[in-house]
PDB file of N, CA and C in Angstrom:
ATOM      1  N   MET A   1     134.049  89.828-114.401  1.00  0.00           N
ATOM      2  CA  MET A   1     133.814  88.797-113.369  1.00  0.00           C
ATOM      3  C   MET A   1     134.304  87.431-113.884  1.00  0.00           C
ATOM      4  N   LEU A   2     133.821  87.056-115.055  1.00  0.00           N
ATOM      5  CA  LEU A   2     134.211  85.754-115.607  1.00  0.00           C
ATOM      6  C   LEU A   2     135.715  85.702-115.853  1.00  0.00           C
ATOM      7  N   LYS A   3     136.260  86.823-116.313  1.00  0.00           N
ATOM      8  CA  LYS A   3     137.699  86.865-116.590  1.00  0.00           C
ATOM      9  C   LYS A   3     138.493  86.612-115.320  1.00  0.00           C
ATOM     10  N   ALA A   4     138.064  87.208-114.218  1.00  0.00           N
ATOM     11  CA  ALA A   4     138.769  87.033-112.945  1.00  0.00           C
ATOM     12  C   ALA A   4     138.725  85.565-112.520  1.00  0.00           C
ATOM     13  N   ILE A   5     137.560  84.946-112.672  1.00  0.00           N
ATOM     14  CA  ILE A   5     137.418  83.532-112.293  1.00  0.00           C
ATOM     15  C   ILE A   5     138.336  82.674-113.161  1.00  0.00           C
ATOM     16  N   LEU A   6     138.352  82.958-114.453  1.00  0.00           N
ATOM     17  CA  LEU A   6     139.194  82.180-115.361  1.00  0.00           C
ATOM     18  C   LEU A   6     140.663  82.342-114.997  1.00  0.00           C
ATOM     19  N   SER A   7     141.068  83.556-114.700  1.00  0.00           N
ATOM     20  CA  SER A   7     142.478  83.787-114.350  1.00  0.00           C
ATOM     21  C   SER A   7     142.832  83.044-113.061  1.00  0.00           C
ATOM     22  N   GLN A   8     141.902  83.018-112.122  1.00  0.00           N
ATOM     23  CA  GLN A   8     142.149  82.293-110.866  1.00  0.00           C
ATOM     24  C   GLN A   8     142.301  80.806-111.138  1.00  0.00           C
ATOM     25  N   ILE A   9     141.402  80.253-111.956  1.00  0.00           N
ATOM     26  CA  ILE A   9     141.468  78.825-112.286  1.00  0.00           C
ATOM     27  C   ILE A   9     142.790  78.514-112.986  1.00  0.00           C
ATOM     28  N   ILE A  10     143.182  79.374-113.911  1.00  0.00           N
ATOM     29  CA  ILE A  10     144.428  79.150-114.652  1.00  0.00           C
ATOM     30  C   ILE A  10     145.625  79.196-113.710  1.00  0.00           C
ATOM     31  N   SER A  11     145.617  80.163-112.796  1.00  0.00           N
ATOM     32  CA  SER A  11     146.743  80.274-111.854  1.00  0.00           C
ATOM     33  C   SER A  11     146.798  79.040-110.959  1.00  0.00           C
ATOM     34  N   LEU A  12     145.640  78.586-110.485  1.00  0.00           N
ATOM     35  CA  LEU A  12     145.605  77.383-109.645  1.00  0.00           C
ATOM     36  C   LEU A  12     146.100  76.181-110.439  1.00  0.00           C
ATOM     37  N   TYR A  13     145.670  76.091-111.706  1.00  0.00           N
ATOM     38  CA  TYR A  13     146.079  74.987-112.570  1.00  0.00           C
ATOM     39  C   TYR A  13     147.599  74.979-112.737  1.00  0.00           C
ATOM     40  N   ARG A  14     148.168  76.186-112.964  1.00  0.00           N
ATOM     41  CA  ARG A  14     149.617  76.279-113.138  1.00  0.00           C
ATOM     42  C   ARG A  14     150.342  75.896-111.851  1.00  0.00           C
ATOM     43  N   ILE A  15     149.795  76.296-110.705  1.00  0.00           N
ATOM     44  CA  ILE A  15     150.417  75.951-109.419  1.00  0.00           C
ATOM     45  C   ILE A  15     150.395  74.432-109.231  1.00  0.00           C
ATOM     46  N   CYS A  16     149.265  73.818-109.566  1.00  0.00           N
ATOM     47  CA  CYS A  16     149.151  72.357-109.433  1.00  0.00           C
ATOM     48  C   CYS A  16     150.164  71.674-110.347  1.00  0.00           C
ATOM     49  N   LEU A  17     150.265  72.158-111.578  1.00  0.00           N
ATOM     50  CA  LEU A  17     151.227  71.572-112.516  1.00  0.00           C
ATOM     51  C   LEU A  17     152.642  71.697-111.958  1.00  0.00           C
ATOM     52  N   HIS A  18     152.961  72.862-111.408  1.00  0.00           N
ATOM     53  CA  HIS A  18     154.297  73.092-110.852  1.00  0.00           C
ATOM     54  C   HIS A  18     154.560  72.124-109.698  1.00  0.00           C
ATOM     55  N   LEU A  19     153.561  71.968-108.826  1.00  0.00           N
ATOM     56  CA  LEU A  19     153.728  71.073-107.678  1.00  0.00           C
ATOM     57  C   LEU A  19     153.909  69.637-108.155  1.00  0.00           C
ATOM     58  N   PHE A  20     153.098  69.221-109.141  1.00  0.00           N
ATOM     59  CA  PHE A  20     153.208  67.854-109.655  1.00  0.00           C
ATOM     60  C   PHE A  20     154.573  67.639-110.309  1.00  0.00           C
ATOM     61  N   ALA A  21     155.023  68.625-111.064  1.00  0.00           N
ATOM     62  CA  ALA A  21     156.329  68.508-111.723  1.00  0.00           C
ATOM     63  C   ALA A  21     157.426  68.399-110.668  1.00  0.00           C
ATOM     64  N   LYS A  22     157.304  69.200-109.607  1.00  0.00           N
ATOM     65  CA  LYS A  22     158.291  69.174-108.532  1.00  0.00           C
ATOM     66  C   LYS A  22     158.290  67.793-107.867  1.00  0.00           C
ATOM     67  N   ALA A  23     157.113  67.267-107.592  1.00  0.00           N
ATOM     68  CA  ALA A  23     157.011  65.956-106.952  1.00  0.00           C
ATOM     69  C   ALA A  23     157.608  64.887-107.869  1.00  0.00           C
ATOM     70  N   ASP A  24     157.340  65.004-109.180  1.00  0.00           N
ATOM     71  CA  ASP A  24     157.883  64.028-110.123  1.00  0.00           C
ATOM     72  C   ASP A  24     159.408  64.061-110.109  1.00  0.00           C
ATOM     73  N   THR A  25     159.975  65.257-110.096  1.00  0.00           N
ATOM     74  CA  THR A  25     161.436  65.354-110.108  1.00  0.00           C
ATOM     75  C   THR A  25     162.010  64.796-108.813  1.00  0.00           C
ATOM     76  N   VAL A  26     161.292  64.967-107.704  1.00  0.00           N
ATOM     77  CA  VAL A  26     161.775  64.462-106.416  1.00  0.00           C
ATOM     78  C   VAL A  26     161.652  62.940-106.376  1.00  0.00           C
ATOM     79  N   GLN A  27     160.519  62.416-106.877  1.00  0.00           N
ATOM     80  CA  GLN A  27     160.310  60.971-106.837  1.00  0.00           C
ATOM     81  C   GLN A  27     161.188  60.253-107.864  1.00  0.00           C
ATOM     82  N   TYR A  28     161.283  60.839-109.061  1.00  0.00           N
ATOM     83  CA  TYR A  28     162.044  60.189-110.124  1.00  0.00           C
ATOM     84  C   TYR A  28     163.124  61.134-110.650  1.00  0.00           C
ATOM     85  N   PRO A  29     164.236  61.219-109.949  1.00  0.00           N
ATOM     86  CA  PRO A  29     165.322  62.095-110.418  1.00  0.00           C
ATOM     87  C   PRO A  29     165.853  61.630-111.772  1.00  0.00           C
ATOM     88  N   GLU A  30     166.051  62.568-112.682  1.00  0.00           N
ATOM     89  CA  GLU A  30     166.479  62.212-114.041  1.00  0.00           C
ATOM     90  C   GLU A  30     167.963  61.870-114.081  1.00  0.00           C
ATOM     91  N   GLU A  31     168.718  62.394-113.123  1.00  0.00           N
ATOM     92  CA  GLU A  31     170.166  62.189-113.173  1.00  0.00           C
ATOM     93  C   GLU A  31     170.528  60.750-112.830  1.00  0.00           C
TER      94      GLU A  31
END
């Protein structure tokens, strides 16, 4: 049970990081 909750939190965390990284690249293009 706890493992499933942890995996869900981790997956959500990774999705949030991905979205934030995507937004950062869109707002501040490195090129």
